Structure formats: structure tokens, C-alpha cells
Protein backbone atom coordinates (compact mmCIF):
# COMPACT_ATOMS: atom_id res chain seq x y z
CA MET A 1 52.42 86.41 135.58
CA ASP A 2 52.36 89.71 137.18
CA ARG A 3 52.91 93.22 135.88
CA GLY A 4 56.18 93.70 138.04
CA ASP A 5 57.91 91.14 135.70
CA ASP A 6 56.73 92.85 132.60
CA ASP A 7 58.54 96.09 134.08
CA GLU A 8 61.64 94.26 134.58
CA GLU A 9 61.82 92.53 131.43
CA GLU A 10 61.42 95.62 129.36
CA GLU A 11 64.11 97.73 131.20
CA ASP A 12 66.26 94.50 130.13
CA ASN A 13 65.40 95.54 126.77
CA TYR A 14 66.72 99.31 127.24
CA GLN A 15 66.57 100.78 123.43
CA PRO A 16 67.19 104.39 123.38
CA THR A 17 64.11 106.50 121.41
CA LYS A 18 66.33 108.83 119.81
CA ARG A 19 70.07 109.01 118.84
CA TYR A 20 72.54 110.76 120.98
CA THR A 21 75.95 111.87 120.38
CA TYR A 22 78.47 111.11 123.19
CA SER A 23 81.84 113.14 123.90
CA ARG A 24 84.92 111.23 123.61
CA GLU A 25 85.58 111.58 127.78
CA TYR A 26 81.79 110.29 128.40
CA LYS A 27 82.37 106.96 126.48
CA LEU A 28 85.70 106.44 127.87
CA ALA A 29 83.99 106.91 131.38
CA THR A 30 81.76 104.35 130.69
CA ILE A 31 83.93 101.98 129.20
CA ASP A 32 86.50 102.61 132.65
CA TYR A 33 82.80 102.22 134.58
CA TYR A 34 82.10 98.69 132.51
CA GLN A 35 85.42 97.52 133.06
CA THR A 36 86.38 98.56 136.40
CA THR A 37 83.08 98.05 138.47
CA TRP A 38 82.31 95.08 140.40
CA LYS A 39 79.03 93.81 141.64
CA GLU A 40 78.23 91.95 145.42
CA LYS A 41 76.09 88.83 144.61
CA LEU A 42 73.81 87.55 147.79
CA ASP A 43 76.82 85.06 149.14
CA LYS A 44 79.18 88.32 149.30
CA THR A 45 81.00 87.23 146.96
CA TYR A 46 81.74 90.12 143.45
CA GLU A 47 81.41 89.23 140.08
CA ARG A 48 81.99 91.96 137.12
CA LEU A 49 79.18 93.69 136.02
CA LEU A 50 77.20 92.32 133.05
CA VAL A 51 76.61 94.51 129.80
CA ARG A 52 72.94 94.50 130.07
CA TYR A 53 72.87 95.49 133.49
CA ALA A 54 76.12 98.28 132.81
CA SER A 55 74.23 99.45 129.68
CA LYS A 56 70.75 99.86 131.40
CA LYS A 57 72.41 101.58 134.49
CA LEU A 58 74.18 103.96 131.95
CA LYS A 59 70.71 104.71 129.25
CA ILE A 60 72.29 103.28 126.29
CA SER A 61 72.02 100.04 124.23
CA ARG A 62 74.24 96.74 124.51
CA LYS A 63 75.11 97.12 121.66
CA GLN A 64 76.85 100.68 121.87
CA LEU A 65 78.38 99.16 124.52
CA ARG A 66 79.96 96.32 123.16
CA ASN A 67 81.54 98.78 120.32
CA TRP A 68 82.62 100.97 122.15
CA VAL A 69 84.77 98.58 124.62
CA ALA A 70 85.90 96.96 121.39
CA ASN A 71 86.87 100.57 120.09
CA LYS A 72 88.52 101.62 122.93
CA GLU A 73 91.63 102.36 121.64
CA LYS A 74 90.42 104.26 118.98
CA ILE A 75 87.99 106.40 120.98
CA GLN A 76 91.54 106.92 123.14
CA ASN A 77 93.16 108.33 120.03
CA GLN A 78 90.26 110.79 119.15
CA LYS A 79 91.11 114.42 120.18
CA ARG A 80 89.61 115.74 123.43
CA GLY A 81 86.18 116.84 123.54
CA SER A 82 85.15 115.36 120.00
CA PHE A 83 82.26 113.35 119.47
CA ARG A 84 83.46 111.32 116.51
CA ALA A 85 86.55 109.69 115.13
CA CYS A 86 88.06 111.84 112.36
CA LYS A 87 89.53 110.04 109.32
CA SER A 88 92.59 110.53 108.37
CA HIS A 89 93.48 112.99 105.49
CA THR A 90 93.72 111.26 102.16
CA PHE A 91 95.97 112.63 99.73
CA VAL A 92 95.41 113.31 96.40
CA GLN A 93 96.56 110.36 93.81
CA GLU A 94 96.80 112.67 90.81
CA PRO A 95 97.19 116.43 91.92
CA LYS A 96 97.43 117.84 88.18
CA LEU A 97 94.17 116.03 87.37
CA GLU A 98 92.56 117.62 90.41
CA GLN A 99 93.65 120.90 89.76
CA ILE A 100 92.53 121.03 85.75
CA LEU A 101 89.25 119.73 87.20
CA ASN A 102 88.89 122.09 89.98
CA ASN A 103 89.40 124.91 87.40
CA ARG A 104 86.85 123.72 84.76
CA PHE A 105 84.40 123.21 87.68
CA LYS A 106 84.69 126.37 88.97
CA LYS A 107 84.19 127.94 85.32
CA ALA A 108 81.17 126.16 84.38
CA ARG A 109 79.90 127.24 87.93
CA ASP A 110 80.91 130.73 86.92
CA GLN A 111 78.74 130.14 83.93
CA GLY A 112 75.48 128.83 85.69
CA ARG A 113 75.87 125.35 84.80
CA LYS A 114 74.59 122.27 86.89
CA ILE A 115 77.40 120.18 88.35
CA SER A 116 75.94 116.70 88.64
CA TYR A 117 78.39 113.47 89.70
CA LYS A 118 78.12 112.36 86.08
CA TRP A 119 79.56 115.88 84.81
CA ILE A 120 82.45 115.14 87.47
CA LEU A 121 82.92 111.63 86.20
CA CYS A 122 83.22 112.56 82.74
CA TYR A 123 85.28 115.65 82.79
CA ALA A 124 87.72 113.54 85.09
CA LYS A 125 87.93 111.24 82.28
CA LYS A 126 88.46 113.08 79.51
CA ILE A 127 91.17 114.75 81.36
CA TYR A 128 92.57 111.66 82.33
CA GLU A 129 93.54 110.95 78.61
CA GLU A 130 94.60 113.60 77.51
CA LEU A 131 97.26 113.64 80.55
CA TYR A 132 98.08 109.82 80.75
CA PRO A 133 97.02 108.39 76.92
CA THR A 134 99.24 105.30 77.92
CA CYS A 135 97.29 104.46 80.61
CA ILE A 136 94.31 103.87 79.05
CA VAL A 137 93.32 100.40 77.11
CA VAL A 138 90.68 101.10 74.26
CA HIS A 139 88.65 97.13 73.60
CA GLU A 140 87.92 96.67 69.48
CA PHE A 141 84.02 97.71 70.91
CA GLY A 142 85.32 101.48 71.81
CA LYS A 143 85.15 100.49 75.53
CA ARG A 144 87.96 102.28 77.37
CA LEU A 145 89.72 100.83 80.83
CA TYR A 146 91.79 103.17 83.03
CA LEU A 147 94.56 101.78 84.60
């Protein structure tokens, strides 16, 4: 096997050395290029581009191109010029609990306390018990179930 075959095989399995971010417009242009470009074969007929060929030309991985094509609608719904899809705004389920917990958080921070995930969870459960005592089931061993 001569050296030329190895180089060609390496180019077919292109993997970028770094992870790059691409804009919405670049992704849509890439999808459009892949879906609308045809390649002329030796017998003068045309065929659609292969994922391998298109990804090599565009210098992106094959998996990335397949993902973009599969998520085309999601990419189209992004804001112009954005680089990733925004998650929709999630609304607070218990606004009263959030407000009380936030006030305790600010008070503890003003006192110089370190706030951890465990601290937030502990105080959230205490406040939930105070606000909604009917939504808690206490088992015989003292373990609580929050509904």
C-alpha cells in the first residue's frame, strides 16, 4: 500500500482537533449545502453528496453534520446570530417558597455564611413543611415524603 492511500483514508475520517462553535446561519448554510448540492459521477449522472464527503469539505465531523440535519427545525427557531438554542423560560412552581428561600439566602450571605447545595435543599424542605404541612407524609421511622 502506498502513502497516497493512507492520506486519503485519514481525510475521510476527519475529526477536528478543537471544538468550535458555529452560528445559526453557518449551520443552516451547511445543511442547505448538504441537501441541495449534487456531485457528478464518472458516467455523467448526478448523485447527492455523501455525509462523509460533505463533512470533509466543510471540515466538521460526520456526526455533527448528521445532528444538524436532524435538528434543522430547532436550529431555524434560534435567534439570528445565536450560537446555541435557548431553553424556554421555566416558571417557578412555588413562588412563595422561592421568595422566602431567597430572603433567607440573602440574609445568610450578608452574615458571611457559605451557601451550598445541601444548605439550599435543607432550608427549602423546612420552608415547604411550614407552608404546606398537608403535602408531607411522615413514615413511622421519621422519614418524610414530599408530595
